[in-house]
Amino acid sequence: MQPPIQASVQASVHAFFDEATNTLTYIVQEPEGRACAVIDSVLDFDYASGRTDTRSADAVIAHIRDHDLDLQWILETHVHADHLSAAPYIQERLGGRIGIGAQITVVQETFGKIFNEGTRFQRDGSQFDQLFRDGDSVMIGQLHGDVMHTPGHTPACLTYVFADAAFVGDTLFMPDFGTARCDFPGGSAAVMYDSVQRILSLPDATRIFVGHDYKAPGREDYAWETTVAAQKALNVHVGAGRARAEFIALRQARDASLAMPRLIIPSLQVNMRAGHMPEAEENGTSYLKVPINGL
């Protein structure tokens, strides 16, 4: 059974676009009240210097404070490979609980080995306040949300459905750009296809908010909101009833041509820790590892 949509309720959504990583961060607010959640926050990071910056997160914090909102959740759709999460920074300033999919333990086990993290790195998801499973509910004040497990890009990917709004992370992009890659460890084009079909079984009027936008060829402006109906009809990878086998072949061929994301090395190490840096060494400094030929 698919999550029901609250037909008479419309979630309030405010988007922040980070052009450096093409990432969307969302504030979701209950329609009549102060409660809100942040979905997929960004911690700015300059890889060349190893320096972090909080300008993107500060913009989110300023909006919440300026509108006198009550932050209850800081939600991650998955362990991002293209940007660092600002969840702990936001939590320290505004409160709220950090949540992610329960299959984070699979991601932690996989990348714990790749980065040779040793026994100090816990692989049980305990860095997060809440681990969500398929079918779980999450409340933002009086706004009910349903959790859908939609793996394929990663094993832990979630879609959060609040009333008429679905936050799909990297599962779907805008219809003219298609779907996310499935070639990271634990990814699967076949599983991605099945997850997309679950999302597309939501009511046609459901608003879909994507996790990234890269401006498809011929489009001048960034975009991040579409609908289930538009995705079913127009998505260049899965629309118009594309068959499962055809999608798998298309997705695998495309993935073979893609370079690794620019920030994948730092992002994975930080995000599998719920946005925390690796434990500092004896000199008080945290370090990020680069596994040679490891990815």
C-alpha atoms as a PDB file:
ATOM      1  CA  MET A   1       0.000   0.000   0.000  1.00  0.00           C
ATOM      2  CA  GLN A   2       1.293   3.447  -0.919  1.00  0.00           C
ATOM      3  CA  PRO A   3       1.281   6.339   1.556  1.00  0.00           C
ATOM      4  CA  PRO A   4      -2.006   8.267   1.410  1.00  0.00           C
ATOM      5  CA  ILE A   5      -1.947  11.893   0.334  1.00  0.00           C
ATOM      6  CA  GLN A   6      -3.790  14.437   2.464  1.00  0.00           C
ATOM      7  CA  ALA A   7      -5.907  15.882  -0.332  1.00  0.00           C
ATOM      8  CA  SER A   8      -7.102  18.922   1.588  1.00  0.00           C
ATOM      9  CA  VAL A   9      -3.665  19.833   2.958  1.00  0.00           C
ATOM     10  CA  GLN A  10      -0.780  21.540   1.175  1.00  0.00           C
ATOM     11  CA  ALA A  11       2.639  21.528   2.786  1.00  0.00           C
ATOM     12  CA  SER A  12       4.453  24.854   2.874  1.00  0.00           C
ATOM     13  CA  VAL A  13       7.847  24.489   1.132  1.00  0.00           C
ATOM     14  CA  HIS A  14      10.729  26.953   0.866  1.00  0.00           C
ATOM     15  CA  ALA A  15      13.738  25.985  -1.273  1.00  0.00           C
ATOM     16  CA  PHE A  16      17.403  27.008  -1.128  1.00  0.00           C
ATOM     17  CA  PHE A  17      19.606  26.259  -4.144  1.00  0.00           C
ATOM     18  CA  ASP A  18      23.368  25.813  -3.752  1.00  0.00           C
ATOM     19  CA  GLU A  19      24.846  26.374  -7.197  1.00  0.00           C
ATOM     20  CA  ALA A  20      28.309  25.136  -6.143  1.00  0.00           C
ATOM     21  CA  THR A  21      26.930  21.603  -5.680  1.00  0.00           C
ATOM     22  CA  ASN A  22      23.609  21.938  -7.554  1.00  0.00           C
ATOM     23  CA  THR A  23      21.884  20.902  -4.329  1.00  0.00           C
ATOM     24  CA  LEU A  24      18.409  21.772  -3.069  1.00  0.00           C
ATOM     25  CA  THR A  25      17.752  22.237   0.635  1.00  0.00           C
ATOM     26  CA  TYR A  26      14.129  22.509   1.704  1.00  0.00           C
ATOM     27  CA  ILE A  27      12.280  23.883   4.700  1.00  0.00           C
ATOM     28  CA  VAL A  28       8.925  22.129   5.086  1.00  0.00           C
ATOM     29  CA  GLN A  29       6.408  23.807   7.383  1.00  0.00           C
ATOM     30  CA  GLU A  30       3.032  22.739   8.719  1.00  0.00           C
ATOM     31  CA  PRO A  31       0.320  24.802   6.955  1.00  0.00           C
ATOM     32  CA  GLU A  32      -1.057  26.430  10.084  1.00  0.00           C
ATOM     33  CA  GLY A  33       1.652  26.537  12.704  1.00  0.00           C
ATOM     34  CA  ARG A  34       5.330  27.127  13.420  1.00  0.00           C
ATOM     35  CA  ALA A  35       6.722  23.598  13.222  1.00  0.00           C
ATOM     36  CA  CYS A  36       9.145  22.843  10.393  1.00  0.00           C
ATOM     37  CA  ALA A  37      11.778  20.435   9.109  1.00  0.00           C
ATOM     38  CA  VAL A  38      14.949  20.942   7.075  1.00  0.00           C
ATOM     39  CA  ILE A  39      15.637  18.408   4.329  1.00  0.00           C
ATOM     40  CA  ASP A  40      19.148  17.863   2.882  1.00  0.00           C
ATOM     41  CA  SER A  41      21.184  20.737   4.308  1.00  0.00           C
ATOM     42  CA  VAL A  42      24.551  21.846   2.874  1.00  0.00           C
ATOM     43  CA  LEU A  43      27.845  22.587   4.614  1.00  0.00           C
ATOM     44  CA  ASP A  44      30.038  24.532   2.181  1.00  0.00           C
ATOM     45  CA  PHE A  45      33.469  22.985   1.661  1.00  0.00           C
ATOM     46  CA  ASP A  46      36.516  24.041  -0.317  1.00  0.00           C
ATOM     47  CA  TYR A  47      38.401  20.851  -1.103  1.00  0.00           C
ATOM     48  CA  ALA A  48      41.597  22.608  -2.155  1.00  0.00           C
ATOM     49  CA  SER A  49      42.058  24.317   1.207  1.00  0.00           C
ATOM     50  CA  GLY A  50      40.186  21.832   3.385  1.00  0.00           C
ATOM     51  CA  ARG A  51      38.098  24.683   4.798  1.00  0.00           C
ATOM     52  CA  THR A  52      34.414  24.617   5.631  1.00  0.00           C
ATOM     53  CA  ASP A  53      31.979  27.524   5.468  1.00  0.00           C
ATOM     54  CA  THR A  54      28.452  27.850   6.816  1.00  0.00           C
ATOM     55  CA  ARG A  55      26.914  30.437   4.489  1.00  0.00           C
ATOM     56  CA  SER A  56      24.391  27.990   3.011  1.00  0.00           C
ATOM     57  CA  ALA A  57      23.343  26.669   6.406  1.00  0.00           C
ATOM     58  CA  ASP A  58      23.235  30.183   7.835  1.00  0.00           C
ATOM     59  CA  ALA A  59      20.713  31.202   5.176  1.00  0.00           C
ATOM     60  CA  VAL A  60      18.459  28.340   6.260  1.00  0.00           C
ATOM     61  CA  ILE A  61      18.896  29.240   9.933  1.00  0.00           C
ATOM     62  CA  ALA A  62      18.128  32.908   9.214  1.00  0.00           C
ATOM     63  CA  HIS A  63      14.893  31.994   7.437  1.00  0.00           C
ATOM     64  CA  ILE A  64      13.755  29.845  10.355  1.00  0.00           C
ATOM     65  CA  ARG A  65      14.576  32.559  12.889  1.00  0.00           C
ATOM     66  CA  ASP A  66      13.120  35.390  10.808  1.00  0.00           C
ATOM     67  CA  HIS A  67       9.814  33.532  10.504  1.00  0.00           C
ATOM     68  CA  ASP A  68       9.816  32.403  14.144  1.00  0.00           C
ATOM     69  CA  LEU A  69       9.642  28.726  13.178  1.00  0.00           C
ATOM     70  CA  ASP A  70      10.156  25.732  15.438  1.00  0.00           C
ATOM     71  CA  LEU A  71      12.663  23.313  13.887  1.00  0.00           C
ATOM     72  CA  GLN A  72      11.688  19.762  14.819  1.00  0.00           C
ATOM     73  CA  TRP A  73      13.495  17.604  12.256  1.00  0.00           C
ATOM     74  CA  ILE A  74      16.681  17.736  10.191  1.00  0.00           C
ATOM     75  CA  LEU A  75      16.085  15.036   7.599  1.00  0.00           C
ATOM     76  CA  GLU A  76      18.482  13.393   5.173  1.00  0.00           C
ATOM     77  CA  THR A  77      17.185  11.596   2.094  1.00  0.00           C
ATOM     78  CA  HIS A  78      20.443   9.580   1.936  1.00  0.00           C
ATOM     79  CA  VAL A  79      24.210   9.761   2.479  1.00  0.00           C
ATOM     80  CA  HIS A  80      25.108  12.362  -0.118  1.00  0.00           C
ATOM     81  CA  ALA A  81      28.183  11.882  -2.295  1.00  0.00           C
ATOM     82  CA  ASP A  82      28.305  15.413  -3.698  1.00  0.00           C
ATOM     83  CA  HIS A  83      28.018  17.722  -0.707  1.00  0.00           C
ATOM     84  CA  LEU A  84      28.603  17.722   3.036  1.00  0.00           C
ATOM     85  CA  SER A  85      25.649  17.833   5.413  1.00  0.00           C
ATOM     86  CA  ALA A  86      25.258  20.758   7.810  1.00  0.00           C
ATOM     87  CA  ALA A  87      22.890  18.814  10.093  1.00  0.00           C
ATOM     88  CA  PRO A  88      24.976  19.041  13.304  1.00  0.00           C
ATOM     89  CA  TYR A  89      25.646  22.753  12.776  1.00  0.00           C
ATOM     90  CA  ILE A  90      21.943  23.489  12.344  1.00  0.00           C
ATOM     91  CA  GLN A  91      20.977  21.238  15.253  1.00  0.00           C
ATOM     92  CA  GLU A  92      23.423  22.986  17.580  1.00  0.00           C
ATOM     93  CA  ARG A  93      21.795  26.341  16.831  1.00  0.00           C
ATOM     94  CA  LEU A  94      18.124  25.457  16.467  1.00  0.00           C
ATOM     95  CA  GLY A  95      17.564  22.017  17.953  1.00  0.00           C
ATOM     96  CA  GLY A  96      15.638  19.320  16.112  1.00  0.00           C
ATOM     97  CA  ARG A  97      16.345  15.629  15.575  1.00  0.00           C
ATOM     98  CA  ILE A  98      18.495  14.254  12.748  1.00  0.00           C
ATOM     99  CA  GLY A  99      16.897  11.422  10.776  1.00  0.00           C
ATOM    100  CA  ILE A 100      17.918   9.124   7.914  1.00  0.00           C
ATOM    101  CA  GLY A 101      16.994   5.717   6.514  1.00  0.00           C
ATOM    102  CA  ALA A 102      17.654   2.611   8.611  1.00  0.00           C
ATOM    103  CA  GLN A 103      19.775   1.135   5.825  1.00  0.00           C
ATOM    104  CA  ILE A 104      22.441   3.690   6.722  1.00  0.00           C
ATOM    105  CA  THR A 105      24.055   0.763   8.515  1.00  0.00           C
ATOM    106  CA  VAL A 106      24.692  -0.893   5.138  1.00  0.00           C
ATOM    107  CA  VAL A 107      26.270   2.313   3.833  1.00  0.00           C
ATOM    108  CA  GLN A 108      28.399   2.668   6.972  1.00  0.00           C
ATOM    109  CA  GLU A 109      29.606  -0.918   6.701  1.00  0.00           C
ATOM    110  CA  THR A 110      30.502  -0.485   3.030  1.00  0.00           C
ATOM    111  CA  PHE A 111      32.345   2.800   3.342  1.00  0.00           C
ATOM    112  CA  GLY A 112      33.744   2.026   6.762  1.00  0.00           C
ATOM    113  CA  LYS A 113      35.753  -0.659   4.993  1.00  0.00           C
ATOM    114  CA  ILE A 114      36.677   1.524   2.026  1.00  0.00           C
ATOM    115  CA  PHE A 115      38.031   4.239   4.330  1.00  0.00           C
ATOM    116  CA  ASN A 116      39.513   1.716   6.781  1.00  0.00           C
ATOM    117  CA  GLU A 117      37.745   3.391   9.684  1.00  0.00           C
ATOM    118  CA  GLY A 118      38.572   0.759  12.302  1.00  0.00           C
ATOM    119  CA  THR A 119      36.564  -0.127  15.388  1.00  0.00           C
ATOM    120  CA  ARG A 120      36.083   3.427  16.681  1.00  0.00           C
ATOM    121  CA  PHE A 121      33.652   4.164  13.849  1.00  0.00           C
ATOM    122  CA  GLN A 122      30.239   2.826  14.853  1.00  0.00           C
ATOM    123  CA  ARG A 123      28.345   1.140  12.025  1.00  0.00           C
ATOM    124  CA  ASP A 124      24.961   0.967  13.763  1.00  0.00           C
ATOM    125  CA  GLY A 125      23.536   4.349  12.740  1.00  0.00           C
ATOM    126  CA  SER A 126      23.898   5.662  16.285  1.00  0.00           C
ATOM    127  CA  GLN A 127      25.289   8.973  14.994  1.00  0.00           C
ATOM    128  CA  PHE A 128      21.709   9.829  13.980  1.00  0.00           C
ATOM    129  CA  ASP A 129      18.768  10.522  16.290  1.00  0.00           C
ATOM    130  CA  GLN A 130      16.237   8.527  14.252  1.00  0.00           C
ATOM    131  CA  LEU A 131      16.504   5.717  11.710  1.00  0.00           C
ATOM    132  CA  PHE A 132      13.424   5.497   9.503  1.00  0.00           C
ATOM    133  CA  ARG A 133      12.061   2.348   7.880  1.00  0.00           C
ATOM    134  CA  ASP A 134       9.660   1.959   4.998  1.00  0.00           C
ATOM    135  CA  GLY A 135       6.144   2.789   6.167  1.00  0.00           C
ATOM    136  CA  ASP A 136       7.213   4.848   9.177  1.00  0.00           C
ATOM    137  CA  SER A 137       5.564   8.168   9.932  1.00  0.00           C
ATOM    138  CA  VAL A 138       7.151  11.477  10.883  1.00  0.00           C
ATOM    139  CA  MET A 139       5.253  14.470  12.256  1.00  0.00           C
ATOM    140  CA  ILE A 140       6.050  18.151  11.772  1.00  0.00           C
ATOM    141  CA  GLY A 141       3.719  19.660  14.312  1.00  0.00           C
ATOM    142  CA  GLN A 142       0.302  18.649  12.985  1.00  0.00           C
ATOM    143  CA  LEU A 143       1.623  17.829   9.491  1.00  0.00           C
ATOM    144  CA  HIS A 144       1.808  14.088   8.928  1.00  0.00           C
ATOM    145  CA  GLY A 145       4.611  12.617   6.834  1.00  0.00           C
ATOM    146  CA  ASP A 146       5.076   9.146   5.385  1.00  0.00           C
ATOM    147  CA  VAL A 147       8.442   7.518   4.791  1.00  0.00           C
ATOM    148  CA  MET A 148       9.105   5.492   1.650  1.00  0.00           C
ATOM    149  CA  HIS A 149      12.293   3.450   1.246  1.00  0.00           C
ATOM    150  CA  THR A 150      13.365   4.185  -2.345  1.00  0.00           C
ATOM    151  CA  PRO A 151      16.832   2.644  -2.840  1.00  0.00           C
ATOM    152  CA  GLY A 152      18.788   2.323  -6.057  1.00  0.00           C
ATOM    153  CA  HIS A 153      21.024   5.367  -5.944  1.00  0.00           C
ATOM    154  CA  THR A 154      22.145   4.147  -2.499  1.00  0.00           C
ATOM    155  CA  PRO A 155      20.749   1.377  -0.273  1.00  0.00           C
ATOM    156  CA  ALA A 156      19.474   3.898   2.288  1.00  0.00           C
ATOM    157  CA  CYS A 157      17.601   6.383   0.090  1.00  0.00           C
ATOM    158  CA  LEU A 158      14.273   7.651   1.387  1.00  0.00           C
ATOM    159  CA  THR A 159      11.402   9.675  -0.022  1.00  0.00           C
ATOM    160  CA  TYR A 160       9.514  11.805   2.504  1.00  0.00           C
ATOM    161  CA  VAL A 161       5.868  12.508   1.640  1.00  0.00           C
ATOM    162  CA  PHE A 162       4.267  15.389   3.533  1.00  0.00           C
ATOM    163  CA  ALA A 163       0.672  15.940   2.438  1.00  0.00           C
ATOM    164  CA  ASP A 164       0.898  16.805  -1.284  1.00  0.00           C
ATOM    165  CA  ALA A 165       4.712  17.131  -1.377  1.00  0.00           C
ATOM    166  CA  ALA A 166       7.235  14.326  -1.988  1.00  0.00           C
ATOM    167  CA  PHE A 167      10.935  14.937  -1.365  1.00  0.00           C
ATOM    168  CA  VAL A 168      12.700  12.357  -3.498  1.00  0.00           C
ATOM    169  CA  GLY A 169      16.369  13.159  -2.909  1.00  0.00           C
ATOM    170  CA  ASP A 170      18.461  11.828  -5.787  1.00  0.00           C
ATOM    171  CA  THR A 171      15.988   9.216  -7.011  1.00  0.00           C
ATOM    172  CA  LEU A 172      14.341  11.461  -9.595  1.00  0.00           C
ATOM    173  CA  PHE A 173      15.507  14.709 -11.161  1.00  0.00           C
ATOM    174  CA  MET A 174      13.433  17.120 -13.249  1.00  0.00           C
ATOM    175  CA  PRO A 175      11.682  15.312 -16.133  1.00  0.00           C
ATOM    176  CA  ASP A 176      14.103  16.680 -18.728  1.00  0.00           C
ATOM    177  CA  PHE A 177      17.123  15.340 -16.803  1.00  0.00           C
ATOM    178  CA  GLY A 178      15.887  11.913 -15.731  1.00  0.00           C
ATOM    179  CA  THR A 179      17.143   9.893 -12.779  1.00  0.00           C
ATOM    180  CA  ALA A 180      20.199   9.630 -10.543  1.00  0.00           C
ATOM    181  CA  ARG A 181      23.214   7.393 -11.113  1.00  0.00           C
ATOM    182  CA  CYS A 182      23.228   3.883  -9.674  1.00  0.00           C
ATOM    183  CA  ASP A 183      26.906   2.903  -9.903  1.00  0.00           C
ATOM    184  CA  PHE A 184      28.063   3.736  -6.370  1.00  0.00           C
ATOM    185  CA  PRO A 185      28.725   0.769  -4.050  1.00  0.00           C
ATOM    186  CA  GLY A 186      25.340  -0.655  -3.108  1.00  0.00           C
ATOM    187  CA  GLY A 187      23.550   1.047  -5.990  1.00  0.00           C
ATOM    188  CA  SER A 188      21.365  -0.783  -8.510  1.00  0.00           C
ATOM    189  CA  ALA A 189      19.606   0.355 -11.678  1.00  0.00           C
ATOM    190  CA  ALA A 190      17.073  -2.466 -11.308  1.00  0.00           C
ATOM    191  CA  VAL A 191      16.245  -1.434  -7.757  1.00  0.00           C
ATOM    192  CA  MET A 192      16.110   2.218  -8.842  1.00  0.00           C
ATOM    193  CA  TYR A 193      13.469   1.409 -11.452  1.00  0.00           C
ATOM    194  CA  ASP A 194      11.282  -0.287  -8.856  1.00  0.00           C
ATOM    195  CA  SER A 195      11.686   2.626  -6.442  1.00  0.00           C
ATOM    196  CA  VAL A 196      10.727   5.129  -9.126  1.00  0.00           C
ATOM    197  CA  GLN A 197       7.583   3.140  -9.895  1.00  0.00           C
ATOM    198  CA  ARG A 198       6.570   3.422  -6.224  1.00  0.00           C
ATOM    199  CA  ILE A 199       6.969   7.189  -6.349  1.00  0.00           C
ATOM    200  CA  LEU A 200       5.049   7.401  -9.615  1.00  0.00           C
ATOM    201  CA  SER A 201       2.164   5.463  -8.060  1.00  0.00           C
ATOM    202  CA  LEU A 202       1.449   8.440  -5.804  1.00  0.00           C
ATOM    203  CA  PRO A 203      -1.460  10.655  -6.944  1.00  0.00           C
ATOM    204  CA  ASP A 204      -0.725  12.564 -10.149  1.00  0.00           C
ATOM    205  CA  ALA A 205      -1.088  15.941  -8.429  1.00  0.00           C
ATOM    206  CA  THR A 206       1.618  15.150  -5.877  1.00  0.00           C
ATOM    207  CA  ARG A 207       4.344  17.780  -6.038  1.00  0.00           C
ATOM    208  CA  ILE A 208       7.819  16.292  -6.418  1.00  0.00           C
ATOM    209  CA  PHE A 209      10.786  18.219  -5.044  1.00  0.00           C
ATOM    210  CA  VAL A 210      14.129  16.996  -6.404  1.00  0.00           C
ATOM    211  CA  GLY A 211      17.458  16.924  -4.600  1.00  0.00           C
ATOM    212  CA  HIS A 212      19.546  18.415  -7.413  1.00  0.00           C
ATOM    213  CA  ASP A 213      19.178  20.250 -10.674  1.00  0.00           C
ATOM    214  CA  TYR A 214      21.779  20.555 -13.424  1.00  0.00           C
ATOM    215  CA  LYS A 215      19.800  22.428 -16.115  1.00  0.00           C
ATOM    216  CA  ALA A 216      19.163  19.953 -18.891  1.00  0.00           C
ATOM    217  CA  PRO A 217      20.410  20.972 -22.358  1.00  0.00           C
ATOM    218  CA  GLY A 218      18.202  23.708 -23.749  1.00  0.00           C
ATOM    219  CA  ARG A 219      16.888  24.887 -20.369  1.00  0.00           C
ATOM    220  CA  GLU A 220      18.126  28.274 -19.160  1.00  0.00           C
ATOM    221  CA  ASP A 221      16.941  28.270 -15.546  1.00  0.00           C
ATOM    222  CA  TYR A 222      17.353  25.939 -12.600  1.00  0.00           C
ATOM    223  CA  ALA A 223      14.188  24.138 -11.510  1.00  0.00           C
ATOM    224  CA  TRP A 224      13.284  21.776  -8.693  1.00  0.00           C
ATOM    225  CA  GLU A 225       9.521  21.329  -8.480  1.00  0.00           C
ATOM    226  CA  THR A 226       7.471  19.076 -10.734  1.00  0.00           C
ATOM    227  CA  THR A 227       4.590  16.594 -10.344  1.00  0.00           C
ATOM    228  CA  VAL A 228       4.016  12.871 -10.498  1.00  0.00           C
ATOM    229  CA  ALA A 229       1.938  13.390 -13.657  1.00  0.00           C
ATOM    230  CA  ALA A 230       4.760  15.285 -15.370  1.00  0.00           C
ATOM    231  CA  GLN A 231       7.305  12.648 -14.395  1.00  0.00           C
ATOM    232  CA  LYS A 232       5.147   9.813 -15.711  1.00  0.00           C
ATOM    233  CA  ALA A 233       4.619  11.552 -19.021  1.00  0.00           C
ATOM    234  CA  LEU A 234       7.911  13.321 -19.637  1.00  0.00           C
ATOM    235  CA  ASN A 235      10.815  11.899 -17.631  1.00  0.00           C
ATOM    236  CA  VAL A 236      13.512  11.164 -20.200  1.00  0.00           C
ATOM    237  CA  HIS A 237      14.623   7.979 -18.416  1.00  0.00           C
ATOM    238  CA  VAL A 238      11.433   6.450 -17.020  1.00  0.00           C
ATOM    239  CA  GLY A 239       8.551   8.377 -18.579  1.00  0.00           C
ATOM    240  CA  ALA A 240       5.996   7.239 -21.148  1.00  0.00           C
ATOM    241  CA  GLY A 241       5.977   3.733 -19.714  1.00  0.00           C
ATOM    242  CA  ARG A 242       9.606   2.841 -20.405  1.00  0.00           C
ATOM    243  CA  ALA A 243      10.182  -0.839 -19.714  1.00  0.00           C
ATOM    244  CA  ARG A 244      12.334  -1.994 -16.812  1.00  0.00           C
ATOM    245  CA  ALA A 245      14.957  -3.756 -18.965  1.00  0.00           C
ATOM    246  CA  GLU A 246      15.272  -0.748 -21.261  1.00  0.00           C
ATOM    247  CA  PHE A 247      15.768   1.580 -18.299  1.00  0.00           C
ATOM    248  CA  ILE A 248      18.419  -0.683 -16.760  1.00  0.00           C
ATOM    249  CA  ALA A 249      20.402  -0.742 -20.011  1.00  0.00           C
ATOM    250  CA  LEU A 250      20.083   3.024 -20.428  1.00  0.00           C
ATOM    251  CA  ARG A 251      21.047   3.760 -16.824  1.00  0.00           C
ATOM    252  CA  GLN A 252      24.037   1.439 -16.793  1.00  0.00           C
ATOM    253  CA  ALA A 253      25.373   2.828 -20.072  1.00  0.00           C
ATOM    254  CA  ARG A 254      25.035   6.384 -18.818  1.00  0.00           C
ATOM    255  CA  ASP A 255      26.649   5.582 -15.470  1.00  0.00           C
ATOM    256  CA  ALA A 256      29.679   4.088 -17.222  1.00  0.00           C
ATOM    257  CA  SER A 257      30.349   7.488 -18.818  1.00  0.00           C
ATOM    258  CA  LEU A 258      30.145   9.572 -15.623  1.00  0.00           C
ATOM    259  CA  ALA A 259      33.056  10.874 -13.574  1.00  0.00           C
ATOM    260  CA  MET A 260      33.002  10.648  -9.790  1.00  0.00           C
ATOM    261  CA  PRO A 261      31.442  13.659  -8.012  1.00  0.00           C
ATOM    262  CA  ARG A 262      34.020  16.299  -7.101  1.00  0.00           C
ATOM    263  CA  LEU A 263      33.330  16.063  -3.358  1.00  0.00           C
ATOM    264  CA  ILE A 264      32.637  12.333  -3.033  1.00  0.00           C
ATOM    265  CA  ILE A 265      35.701  11.616  -0.844  1.00  0.00           C
ATOM    266  CA  PRO A 266      34.962  14.151   1.904  1.00  0.00           C
ATOM    267  CA  SER A 267      31.185  13.865   1.580  1.00  0.00           C
ATOM    268  CA  LEU A 268      30.981  10.152   2.277  1.00  0.00           C
ATOM    269  CA  GLN A 269      33.279  10.299   5.287  1.00  0.00           C
ATOM    270  CA  VAL A 270      31.344  13.177   6.843  1.00  0.00           C
ATOM    271  CA  ASN A 271      27.786  12.259   5.893  1.00  0.00           C
ATOM    272  CA  MET A 272      27.952   8.662   7.115  1.00  0.00           C
ATOM    273  CA  ARG A 273      28.728  10.282  10.489  1.00  0.00           C
ATOM    274  CA  ALA A 274      25.541  12.404  10.349  1.00  0.00           C
ATOM    275  CA  GLY A 275      27.527  15.433   9.229  1.00  0.00           C
ATOM    276  CA  HIS A 276      30.270  15.193  11.855  1.00  0.00           C
ATOM    277  CA  MET A 277      33.934  15.334  10.906  1.00  0.00           C
ATOM    278  CA  PRO A 278      36.117  12.281  11.605  1.00  0.00           C
ATOM    279  CA  GLU A 279      37.377  12.095  15.160  1.00  0.00           C
ATOM    280  CA  ALA A 280      40.247  14.521  15.764  1.00  0.00           C
ATOM    281  CA  GLU A 281      43.734  13.119  16.100  1.00  0.00           C
ATOM    282  CA  GLU A 282      46.227  13.816  18.912  1.00  0.00           C
ATOM    283  CA  ASN A 283      46.938  17.326  17.610  1.00  0.00           C
ATOM    284  CA  GLY A 284      43.240  18.268  17.737  1.00  0.00           C
ATOM    285  CA  THR A 285      42.782  18.291  13.956  1.00  0.00           C
ATOM    286  CA  SER A 286      40.378  16.138  11.925  1.00  0.00           C
ATOM    287  CA  TYR A 287      41.654  14.531   8.735  1.00  0.00           C
ATOM    288  CA  LEU A 288      39.922  13.108   5.674  1.00  0.00           C
ATOM    289  CA  LYS A 289      41.359  10.048   3.939  1.00  0.00           C
ATOM    290  CA  VAL A 290      41.763   9.504   0.197  1.00  0.00           C
ATOM    291  CA  PRO A 291      41.659   5.788  -0.609  1.00  0.00           C
ATOM    292  CA  ILE A 292      43.962   5.298  -3.580  1.00  0.00           C
ATOM    293  CA  ASN A 293      42.087   3.356  -6.290  1.00  0.00           C
ATOM    294  CA  GLY A 294      39.436   2.594  -3.666  1.00  0.00           C
ATOM    295  CA  LEU A 295      36.372   3.955  -5.431  1.00  0.00           C
END
